[in-house]
Amino acid sequence: MATNIFATEASVFFVGGAGTQADSSAVCGGCTRDWYDNNFIALTDIMGANGAPLVAITSGEPEADGITLTKTGECGDVEAGMVAYLSGTNVTTGLYKVISATSNTIVFPAATFVIGGGWADDLVCNVGGAFDTLQNAKDNIDATSYNVHIYSNKSADALIDIDGNCGSIANKSQLFLIGFGTLPEDGVQVTHTNKGFVFGAVKNVFMENFTVANLDTAGFYNDNSSALGITLKNCHVNTNTDTGHIDSGFYFDAGTAIVCIDCTANNLGADGFHAHASNFGSALKLINCRAWNCAVGFDTGGYTAMSTLVGCIAYDNDLQGFATGSVDSVYCINCVSYNNGSQGFETESANGRGASVYIDCIAKDNTGTGFKSTAGAMPRLLNCCSHGNGTEFDATFSTDNKVLFDCIETDPLFVDAASDDFRLLPGSPCSHAGKDGLSIGKEQRKQYPMRIKLEGTI
């Protein structure tokens, strides 16, 4: 029995690619990761016009050895390391690595074809090419043994289900879904409209460079408690409608080890980032994320264990900038909450748990309290700055009850907060006033540079 590419080595596939690739009935090939790293220059190296297969062979002749396909004069563009989709009467349907090729023959792994099966009228061999949709690509790809990269430059307006055949903790394999424009490395956003992405019982999924716009559901959604290891980088959710949509941008009500890096949510009718349920796992990390013009910027409530927010900024939201509800071990480090309609940072705890910790954070010009506690929550604040809010610090906070440590009430002197530039001006009282000599609300973010603004003083 032949072994397809997913059981042998890492591979790369494309969606859209050099065109729209509208044939949903076709399954395309791709290439091995090794071929991509050493041979890929342009999309035309691996696909034909409009994302069609680079080479499409029908009615070829499998040789008696079970590994060689002969089609005189039609195999010249095929290279070792490319991946072909094969199907037909005398072939084990699947995606296979090309072992070698000449102008007349393609050699595949052992026992790909039925030995002695002879000529087959219905044989199909598609080398390279691009899938028609991201959903179709994901559904035909198995990343549970080796890493698989899917590069997509094709927008869509359908809900995308990310479930099954994604990655494996045991094999340390990942499924990478990466948006691109002209070349995979250019980092251009791929925009999906109306519908977002829903995760199921996935393991080790990485997504980068996707924008969800004008949608009527959550942009990135997971409520499956079996989900483990979801990373979103440079992903964005927004809407240009007057009312916004009714769900959150990033909505995680379950799962373990979920990470968002350089992600943004704006102009939404619900929370920008929402993790608020008793069945959430642990290790939610939000790094250099922004939320503006939402209901709550960052709502990490429920019983979300071990959440960490680093270098995140919430501004111009209707309610709180940051709401850390009835939670265990929520850490906000070098975060900024500016000009929100309620509290800057609010720790809520109906059961008195509320173990929120704020380090080197800034609350500025929020309508409510800069740092607020309700229902008996007792957070810890270290080297935080509060200024221009309705009230700076909750009246229950003091150094005596070990809540406040080296906090200040003075203008942090942002470069231009009205233009969303929250760097510190020279002479800011927050410069080098934080923990271990770092600057409050600034220096930590230099480890994870923001996509929108450069960090540092000027």
Protein backbone atom coordinates (compact mmCIF):
# COMPACT_ATOMS: atom_id res chain seq x y z
CA MET A 1 0.00 0.00 0.00
CA ALA A 2 1.39 3.40 -0.97
CA THR A 3 2.01 6.00 1.72
CA ASN A 4 0.78 9.48 0.88
CA ILE A 5 2.64 12.71 1.57
CA PHE A 6 0.95 13.39 4.92
CA ALA A 7 2.46 10.27 6.45
CA THR A 8 5.98 10.87 5.16
CA GLU A 9 7.04 14.54 5.38
CA ALA A 10 5.99 18.19 5.68
CA SER A 11 4.14 19.67 2.72
CA VAL A 12 2.78 22.91 1.22
CA PHE A 13 -0.52 23.62 -0.57
CA PHE A 14 -2.20 26.71 -2.02
CA VAL A 15 -5.69 28.21 -2.22
CA GLY A 16 -6.51 30.54 -5.12
CA GLY A 17 -2.87 31.03 -5.97
CA ALA A 18 -2.42 32.47 -9.44
CA GLY A 19 -6.18 32.85 -9.99
CA THR A 20 -9.64 32.08 -8.69
CA GLN A 21 -9.45 28.30 -9.28
CA ALA A 22 -13.20 27.80 -9.49
CA ASP A 23 -13.40 24.04 -10.05
CA SER A 24 -14.58 22.74 -6.68
CA SER A 25 -14.65 19.14 -7.91
CA ALA A 26 -10.88 18.99 -8.44
CA VAL A 27 -8.31 18.23 -5.79
CA CYS A 28 -4.95 19.75 -6.59
CA GLY A 29 -1.43 18.80 -5.71
CA GLY A 30 1.21 20.91 -4.00
CA CYS A 31 4.82 20.32 -3.00
CA THR A 32 6.97 19.09 -0.18
CA ARG A 33 8.22 21.68 2.30
CA ASP A 34 11.77 20.84 1.22
CA TRP A 35 10.98 21.56 -2.46
CA TYR A 36 9.27 24.82 -1.50
CA ASP A 37 12.22 26.02 0.60
CA ASN A 38 14.81 25.18 -2.06
CA ASN A 39 13.05 25.64 -5.41
CA PHE A 40 10.02 27.92 -5.13
CA ILE A 41 10.40 31.40 -6.65
CA ALA A 42 6.99 32.26 -8.10
CA LEU A 43 3.51 30.75 -8.15
CA THR A 44 4.03 29.75 -11.76
CA ASP A 45 6.66 27.29 -10.53
CA ILE A 46 3.96 25.14 -8.95
CA MET A 47 0.72 25.92 -10.80
CA GLY A 48 -0.72 26.84 -14.16
CA ALA A 49 -2.98 29.70 -15.23
CA ASN A 50 -5.77 30.60 -12.82
CA GLY A 51 -4.39 28.23 -10.19
CA ALA A 52 -4.87 25.11 -12.32
CA PRO A 53 -2.50 22.16 -11.86
CA LEU A 54 0.99 22.68 -13.25
CA VAL A 55 0.60 19.39 -15.09
CA ALA A 56 -2.72 17.56 -15.50
CA ILE A 57 -2.56 14.07 -16.94
CA THR A 58 -5.55 11.91 -17.80
CA SER A 59 -5.54 8.39 -19.19
CA GLY A 60 -1.90 7.87 -18.41
CA GLU A 61 -0.33 4.43 -18.33
CA PRO A 62 0.83 3.02 -14.96
CA GLU A 63 3.77 0.70 -15.53
CA ALA A 64 3.83 -2.83 -14.15
CA ASP A 65 6.29 -1.82 -11.40
CA GLY A 66 3.51 0.03 -9.54
CA ILE A 67 5.47 3.29 -9.22
CA THR A 68 5.88 4.76 -12.73
CA LEU A 69 3.32 6.75 -14.71
CA THR A 70 4.05 7.19 -18.42
CA LYS A 71 2.59 9.98 -20.57
CA THR A 72 4.84 10.74 -23.50
CA GLY A 73 5.85 14.40 -23.78
CA GLU A 74 3.63 15.69 -20.95
CA CYS A 75 5.80 15.35 -17.83
CA GLY A 76 8.58 17.82 -18.58
CA ASP A 77 7.57 20.50 -16.05
CA VAL A 78 7.33 18.04 -13.17
CA GLU A 79 10.14 18.02 -10.60
CA ALA A 80 11.07 15.68 -7.79
CA GLY A 81 9.55 16.98 -4.57
CA MET A 82 6.31 18.20 -6.10
CA VAL A 83 3.08 16.58 -4.92
CA ALA A 84 0.44 15.09 -7.20
CA TYR A 85 -3.19 14.19 -6.62
CA LEU A 86 -3.84 10.73 -8.07
CA SER A 87 -7.12 8.87 -8.58
CA GLY A 88 -8.49 6.17 -10.85
CA THR A 89 -9.23 2.47 -11.13
CA ASN A 90 -5.68 1.23 -10.73
CA VAL A 91 -4.38 3.78 -8.22
CA THR A 92 -4.73 4.28 -4.49
CA THR A 93 -6.37 7.73 -4.42
CA GLY A 94 -4.35 10.32 -2.52
CA LEU A 95 -1.68 13.00 -2.58
CA TYR A 96 1.79 11.67 -3.33
CA LYS A 97 5.32 12.98 -3.55
CA VAL A 98 7.04 12.86 -6.93
CA ILE A 99 10.22 10.83 -6.50
CA SER A 100 11.66 11.64 -9.94
CA ALA A 101 10.48 12.75 -13.39
CA THR A 102 11.48 12.92 -17.04
CA SER A 103 9.67 14.39 -20.03
CA ASN A 104 7.76 11.14 -20.40
CA THR A 105 7.50 9.61 -16.91
CA ILE A 106 6.75 10.39 -13.28
CA VAL A 107 7.93 8.07 -10.52
CA PHE A 108 5.93 7.84 -7.28
CA PRO A 109 6.40 5.94 -4.00
CA ALA A 110 6.21 2.15 -3.98
CA ALA A 111 2.83 0.52 -4.72
CA THR A 112 1.07 3.75 -5.64
CA PHE A 113 -0.50 1.91 -8.57
CA VAL A 114 -1.90 -1.59 -8.67
CA ILE A 115 1.04 -3.71 -9.77
CA GLY A 116 0.27 -5.12 -13.18
CA GLY A 117 -2.93 -3.06 -13.34
CA GLY A 118 -2.15 -1.74 -16.77
CA TRP A 119 -3.71 1.13 -18.65
CA ALA A 120 -6.61 3.03 -16.96
CA ASP A 121 -9.03 5.29 -18.84
CA ASP A 122 -10.12 7.13 -15.69
CA LEU A 123 -6.68 7.85 -14.23
CA VAL A 124 -6.19 11.46 -13.07
CA CYS A 125 -2.84 12.97 -12.11
CA ASN A 126 -2.79 16.64 -11.03
CA VAL A 127 0.69 17.89 -10.14
CA GLY A 128 0.75 21.15 -8.21
CA GLY A 129 -2.04 23.72 -8.55
CA ALA A 130 -4.30 25.47 -6.05
CA PHE A 131 -7.46 24.52 -4.19
CA ASP A 132 -10.64 26.47 -4.94
CA THR A 133 -11.45 27.33 -1.30
CA LEU A 134 -9.73 27.26 2.06
CA GLN A 135 -12.45 24.95 3.34
CA ASN A 136 -11.85 22.46 0.53
CA ALA A 137 -8.11 22.56 1.13
CA LYS A 138 -8.44 21.96 4.86
CA ASP A 139 -10.93 19.12 4.32
CA ASN A 140 -8.53 17.28 2.00
CA ILE A 141 -5.40 17.75 4.08
CA ASP A 142 -4.19 15.79 7.10
CA ALA A 143 -1.53 17.40 9.29
CA THR A 144 -1.62 14.95 12.19
CA SER A 145 1.77 13.39 11.42
CA TYR A 146 3.77 16.20 9.76
CA ASN A 147 3.43 19.96 9.42
CA VAL A 148 1.30 21.23 6.56
CA HIS A 149 1.29 24.82 5.32
CA ILE A 150 -1.76 26.09 3.43
CA TYR A 151 -1.18 29.47 1.79
CA SER A 152 -4.34 31.29 0.72
CA ASN A 153 -4.83 34.53 -1.20
CA LYS A 154 -8.47 33.90 -1.99
CA SER A 155 -11.16 35.78 -0.08
CA ALA A 156 -14.45 34.16 0.85
CA ASP A 157 -17.84 34.95 2.34
CA ALA A 158 -18.61 31.52 3.81
CA LEU A 159 -18.13 30.18 7.33
CA ILE A 160 -14.85 28.25 7.57
CA ASP A 161 -14.82 25.20 9.88
CA ILE A 162 -11.37 24.37 11.23
CA ASP A 163 -11.86 20.87 12.57
CA GLY A 164 -10.27 17.44 12.28
CA ASN A 165 -7.01 16.48 10.55
CA CYS A 166 -5.37 19.62 11.83
CA GLY A 167 -2.38 18.85 14.00
CA SER A 168 -1.07 16.48 16.63
CA ILE A 169 0.33 17.02 20.09
CA ALA A 170 1.88 13.54 20.06
CA ASN A 171 3.74 14.12 16.77
CA LYS A 172 4.24 17.85 17.42
CA SER A 173 2.79 18.59 14.01
CA GLN A 174 0.95 21.79 13.08
CA LEU A 175 -1.49 22.99 10.47
CA PHE A 176 -0.50 26.46 9.24
CA LEU A 177 -3.12 28.60 7.49
CA ILE A 178 -1.44 31.73 6.14
CA GLY A 179 -2.86 34.53 4.04
CA PHE A 180 -0.79 36.16 1.32
CA GLY A 181 -1.05 38.52 -1.63
CA THR A 182 1.42 38.04 -4.48
CA LEU A 183 3.89 35.74 -2.74
CA PRO A 184 3.41 33.70 0.44
CA GLU A 185 6.03 35.71 2.32
CA ASP A 186 4.55 39.16 1.69
CA GLY A 187 2.12 39.05 4.65
CA VAL A 188 -0.79 40.70 2.87
CA GLN A 189 -4.17 40.27 4.55
CA VAL A 190 -6.79 37.94 3.09
CA THR A 191 -10.27 39.26 3.89
CA HIS A 192 -13.21 36.99 4.62
CA THR A 193 -16.55 38.79 4.68
CA ASN A 194 -19.84 38.00 6.43
CA LYS A 195 -18.65 34.80 8.11
CA GLY A 196 -15.62 33.96 10.22
CA PHE A 197 -13.71 30.89 11.42
CA VAL A 198 -15.03 28.23 13.81
CA PHE A 199 -12.66 25.84 15.57
CA GLY A 200 -13.59 22.32 16.63
CA ALA A 201 -11.59 19.65 18.46
CA VAL A 202 -8.33 20.83 16.89
CA LYS A 203 -4.72 20.43 17.96
CA ASN A 204 -1.86 22.74 17.00
CA VAL A 205 -3.40 25.17 14.51
CA PHE A 206 -1.61 28.37 13.48
CA MET A 207 -3.33 31.12 11.49
CA GLU A 208 -1.74 34.32 10.18
CA ASN A 209 -2.77 37.28 8.01
CA PHE A 210 -6.56 36.85 7.96
CA THR A 211 -9.12 39.64 8.31
CA VAL A 212 -12.81 39.00 8.95
CA ALA A 213 -14.98 41.97 7.97
CA ASN A 214 -18.65 42.96 8.15
CA LEU A 215 -19.66 39.67 9.67
CA ASP A 216 -22.78 38.53 11.52
CA THR A 217 -21.02 35.95 13.73
CA ALA A 218 -17.83 35.91 15.80
CA GLY A 219 -14.71 36.42 13.72
CA PHE A 220 -12.67 33.64 15.37
CA TYR A 221 -14.77 31.33 17.52
CA ASN A 222 -14.12 28.31 19.71
CA ASP A 223 -16.37 26.65 22.28
CA ASN A 224 -14.90 23.15 22.00
CA SER A 225 -13.26 22.09 25.26
CA SER A 226 -11.01 19.62 23.38
CA ALA A 227 -9.30 22.37 21.37
CA LEU A 228 -5.62 22.55 22.28
CA GLY A 229 -3.03 24.88 20.82
CA ILE A 230 -4.61 27.61 18.65
CA THR A 231 -2.34 30.51 17.67
CA LEU A 232 -3.60 33.55 15.76
CA LYS A 233 -1.06 36.10 14.50
CA ASN A 234 -1.80 39.35 12.69
CA CYS A 235 -5.49 38.47 12.45
CA HIS A 236 -8.19 41.14 12.55
CA VAL A 237 -11.92 41.51 12.95
CA ASN A 238 -13.80 44.65 12.00
CA THR A 239 -17.02 45.95 10.54
CA ASN A 240 -17.84 49.17 8.77
CA THR A 241 -21.57 49.05 9.52
CA ASP A 242 -23.07 51.64 11.82
CA THR A 243 -24.38 49.16 14.39
CA GLY A 244 -21.60 46.58 14.32
CA HIS A 245 -22.35 42.89 14.54
CA ILE A 246 -23.83 41.11 17.51
CA ASP A 247 -20.95 38.85 18.46
CA SER A 248 -17.37 39.29 19.63
CA GLY A 249 -14.36 39.57 17.40
CA PHE A 250 -12.32 36.84 19.10
CA TYR A 251 -14.62 34.56 21.11
CA PHE A 252 -13.09 31.75 23.16
CA ASP A 253 -15.46 29.98 25.53
CA ALA A 254 -13.39 26.80 25.79
CA GLY A 255 -10.04 25.32 24.94
CA THR A 256 -6.47 25.29 26.22
CA ALA A 257 -3.32 27.12 25.11
CA ILE A 258 -4.90 29.80 22.91
CA VAL A 259 -2.60 32.63 21.84
CA CYS A 260 -3.32 35.86 19.91
CA ILE A 261 -0.36 37.96 18.72
CA ASP A 262 -0.67 41.36 17.00
CA CYS A 263 -4.42 40.88 16.53
CA THR A 264 -7.01 43.67 16.47
CA ALA A 265 -10.76 44.03 16.91
CA ASN A 266 -12.63 47.23 16.11
CA ASN A 267 -16.05 48.69 15.38
CA LEU A 268 -17.95 45.76 16.86
CA GLY A 269 -21.27 45.59 18.64
CA ALA A 270 -19.84 43.17 21.23
CA ASP A 271 -16.52 42.53 22.97
CA GLY A 272 -13.29 42.79 21.03
CA PHE A 273 -11.68 39.81 22.79
CA HIS A 274 -13.96 37.56 24.85
CA ALA A 275 -12.96 34.56 26.98
CA HIS A 276 -15.71 34.12 29.49
CA ALA A 277 -16.87 30.63 30.44
CA SER A 278 -16.51 28.06 33.19
CA ASN A 279 -15.33 25.39 30.72
CA PHE A 280 -12.36 27.36 29.43
CA GLY A 281 -9.06 25.57 29.92
CA SER A 282 -5.87 27.43 30.70
CA ALA A 283 -3.07 29.52 29.26
CA LEU A 284 -4.90 32.17 27.26
CA LYS A 285 -2.28 34.65 26.07
CA LEU A 286 -2.98 37.94 24.28
CA ILE A 287 0.20 39.70 23.14
CA ASN A 288 0.26 43.14 21.51
CA CYS A 289 -3.43 43.06 20.69
CA ARG A 290 -5.70 46.10 20.30
CA ALA A 291 -9.43 46.66 20.68
CA TRP A 292 -11.30 49.88 19.94
CA ASN A 293 -14.88 50.95 19.32
CA CYS A 294 -16.21 47.69 20.78
CA ALA A 295 -18.44 47.01 23.80
CA VAL A 296 -15.66 45.80 26.16
CA GLY A 297 -12.14 45.80 24.79
CA PHE A 298 -10.82 42.70 26.57
CA ASP A 299 -13.25 40.58 28.62
CA THR A 300 -11.42 37.67 30.24
CA GLY A 301 -14.13 36.67 32.68
CA GLY A 302 -15.77 33.43 33.74
CA TYR A 303 -13.24 31.05 35.26
CA THR A 304 -10.54 31.57 32.70
CA ALA A 305 -7.41 30.17 34.30
CA MET A 306 -3.89 31.47 33.80
CA SER A 307 -4.64 34.28 31.35
CA THR A 308 -1.86 36.69 30.41
CA LEU A 309 -2.24 39.96 28.51
CA VAL A 310 1.02 41.64 27.47
CA GLY A 311 1.29 44.96 25.68
CA CYS A 312 -2.43 45.11 24.88
CA ILE A 313 -4.27 48.40 24.30
CA ALA A 314 -7.99 49.13 24.69
CA TYR A 315 -9.32 52.54 23.70
CA ASP A 316 -12.59 54.28 22.78
CA ASN A 317 -14.70 51.26 23.79
CA ASP A 318 -18.25 51.67 25.09
CA LEU A 319 -17.67 49.96 28.45
CA GLN A 320 -14.53 48.71 30.19
CA GLY A 321 -11.17 48.63 28.51
CA PHE A 322 -10.23 45.48 30.42
CA ALA A 323 -12.68 43.37 32.45
CA THR A 324 -11.07 40.51 34.33
CA GLY A 325 -14.07 38.78 35.87
CA SER A 326 -14.39 35.84 38.26
CA VAL A 327 -11.06 34.40 37.29
CA ASP A 328 -7.92 32.72 38.51
CA SER A 329 -4.48 34.16 37.83
CA VAL A 330 -5.04 36.86 35.22
CA TYR A 331 -1.95 38.96 34.55
CA CYS A 332 -2.03 42.27 32.67
CA ILE A 333 1.49 43.48 31.90
CA ASN A 334 2.31 46.78 30.18
CA CYS A 335 -1.26 47.27 29.00
CA VAL A 336 -2.96 50.61 28.29
CA SER A 337 -6.62 51.50 28.77
CA TYR A 338 -7.58 54.88 27.30
CA ASN A 339 -10.80 56.86 26.90
CA ASN A 340 -13.21 53.98 27.49
CA GLY A 341 -16.83 54.56 28.52
CA SER A 342 -16.57 52.79 31.87
CA GLN A 343 -13.64 51.51 33.94
CA GLY A 344 -10.12 51.31 32.61
CA PHE A 345 -9.30 48.00 34.34
CA GLU A 346 -12.04 46.28 36.32
CA THR A 347 -11.66 43.14 38.41
CA GLU A 348 -15.03 41.52 39.04
CA SER A 349 -15.46 38.55 41.35
CA ALA A 350 -18.84 37.30 42.47
CA ASN A 351 -17.15 34.60 44.52
CA GLY A 352 -14.22 36.60 45.86
CA ARG A 353 -11.56 34.87 43.76
CA GLY A 354 -10.51 37.65 41.39
CA ALA A 355 -6.76 37.06 41.47
CA SER A 356 -5.92 39.70 38.86
CA VAL A 357 -2.43 41.17 38.78
CA TYR A 358 -1.61 44.42 36.97
CA ILE A 359 2.05 45.26 36.33
CA ASP A 360 3.26 48.45 34.59
CA CYS A 361 -0.23 49.28 33.25
CA ILE A 362 -1.70 52.70 32.43
CA ALA A 363 -5.33 53.84 32.78
CA LYS A 364 -5.91 57.25 31.24
CA ASP A 365 -9.05 59.38 30.64
CA ASN A 366 -11.60 56.61 31.20
CA THR A 367 -15.09 57.72 32.24
CA GLY A 368 -15.15 55.45 35.28
CA THR A 369 -12.44 54.34 37.67
CA GLY A 370 -8.96 53.74 36.32
CA PHE A 371 -8.49 50.54 38.35
CA LYS A 372 -11.73 49.18 39.83
CA SER A 373 -12.73 46.25 42.01
CA THR A 374 -16.22 44.81 42.57
CA ALA A 375 -17.76 41.99 44.60
CA GLY A 376 -14.83 41.57 46.94
CA ALA A 377 -12.13 41.08 44.33
CA MET A 378 -8.65 41.95 45.58
CA PRO A 379 -6.23 42.42 42.67
CA ARG A 380 -2.58 43.38 42.95
CA LEU A 381 -1.22 46.51 41.25
CA LEU A 382 2.52 47.00 40.79
CA ASN A 383 4.01 50.12 39.19
CA CYS A 384 0.75 51.21 37.56
CA CYS A 385 -0.26 54.71 36.49
CA SER A 386 -3.76 56.19 36.62
CA HIS A 387 -4.63 59.69 35.45
CA GLY A 388 -7.60 61.70 34.18
CA ASN A 389 -10.17 59.00 34.97
CA GLY A 390 -13.43 59.56 36.84
CA THR A 391 -11.64 58.08 39.87
CA GLU A 392 -8.06 56.91 39.78
CA PHE A 393 -7.95 53.87 42.07
CA ASP A 394 -10.76 52.00 43.80
CA ALA A 395 -11.31 53.34 47.32
CA THR A 396 -10.68 49.88 48.77
CA PHE A 397 -7.16 49.77 47.33
CA SER A 398 -4.26 50.72 49.58
CA THR A 399 -0.73 49.77 50.45
CA ASP A 400 -2.03 48.50 53.79
CA ASN A 401 -4.15 45.77 52.25
CA LYS A 402 -1.30 44.90 49.89
CA VAL A 403 -3.08 45.94 46.71
CA LEU A 404 -1.06 48.98 45.61
CA PHE A 405 2.69 48.82 45.13
CA ASP A 406 4.57 51.86 43.78
CA CYS A 407 1.63 53.20 41.75
CA ILE A 408 1.34 56.83 40.61
CA GLU A 409 -1.41 59.29 39.68
CA THR A 410 0.08 61.54 37.04
CA ASP A 411 -0.19 62.19 33.31
CA PRO A 412 1.85 59.52 31.46
CA LEU A 413 2.42 61.93 28.54
CA PHE A 414 1.52 59.86 25.50
CA VAL A 415 2.92 61.00 22.16
CA ASP A 416 -0.52 61.43 20.56
CA ALA A 417 -3.30 59.40 22.16
CA ALA A 418 -5.91 61.06 19.95
CA SER A 419 -4.16 59.45 16.97
CA ASP A 420 -3.75 56.12 18.78
CA ASP A 421 -0.04 56.64 19.43
CA PHE A 422 0.57 55.52 23.01
CA ARG A 423 4.34 55.83 23.09
CA LEU A 424 5.77 57.95 25.89
CA LEU A 425 7.18 61.41 25.33
CA PRO A 426 10.63 62.26 26.66
CA GLY A 427 10.32 63.18 30.31
CA SER A 428 7.27 61.02 30.90
CA PRO A 429 6.92 60.12 34.59
CA CYS A 430 6.35 56.53 33.41
CA SER A 431 9.76 56.27 31.74
CA HIS A 432 11.87 53.76 33.63
CA ALA A 433 9.43 53.93 36.53
CA GLY A 434 8.17 50.39 36.24
CA LYS A 435 9.28 47.04 37.53
CA ASP A 436 13.03 46.41 37.18
CA GLY A 437 13.52 49.83 35.61
CA LEU A 438 11.26 49.26 32.63
CA SER A 439 8.89 51.99 31.54
CA ILE A 440 5.26 51.73 32.55
CA GLY A 441 3.02 50.88 29.61
CA LYS A 442 5.80 50.78 27.03
CA GLU A 443 8.98 48.74 27.30
CA GLN A 444 7.46 45.29 27.43
CA ARG A 445 5.85 45.82 24.04
CA LYS A 446 9.27 46.31 22.46
CA GLN A 447 9.71 42.55 22.77
CA TYR A 448 6.66 42.09 20.51
CA PRO A 449 6.70 45.09 18.12
CA MET A 450 3.27 46.39 17.20
CA ARG A 451 2.27 46.13 13.56
CA ILE A 452 0.55 49.52 13.60
CA LYS A 453 2.84 51.73 15.68
CA LEU A 454 6.53 51.69 16.40
CA GLU A 455 7.28 51.50 20.10
CA GLY A 456 9.73 53.47 22.16
CA THR A 457 10.15 57.05 23.26
CA ILE A 458 10.78 59.87 20.83
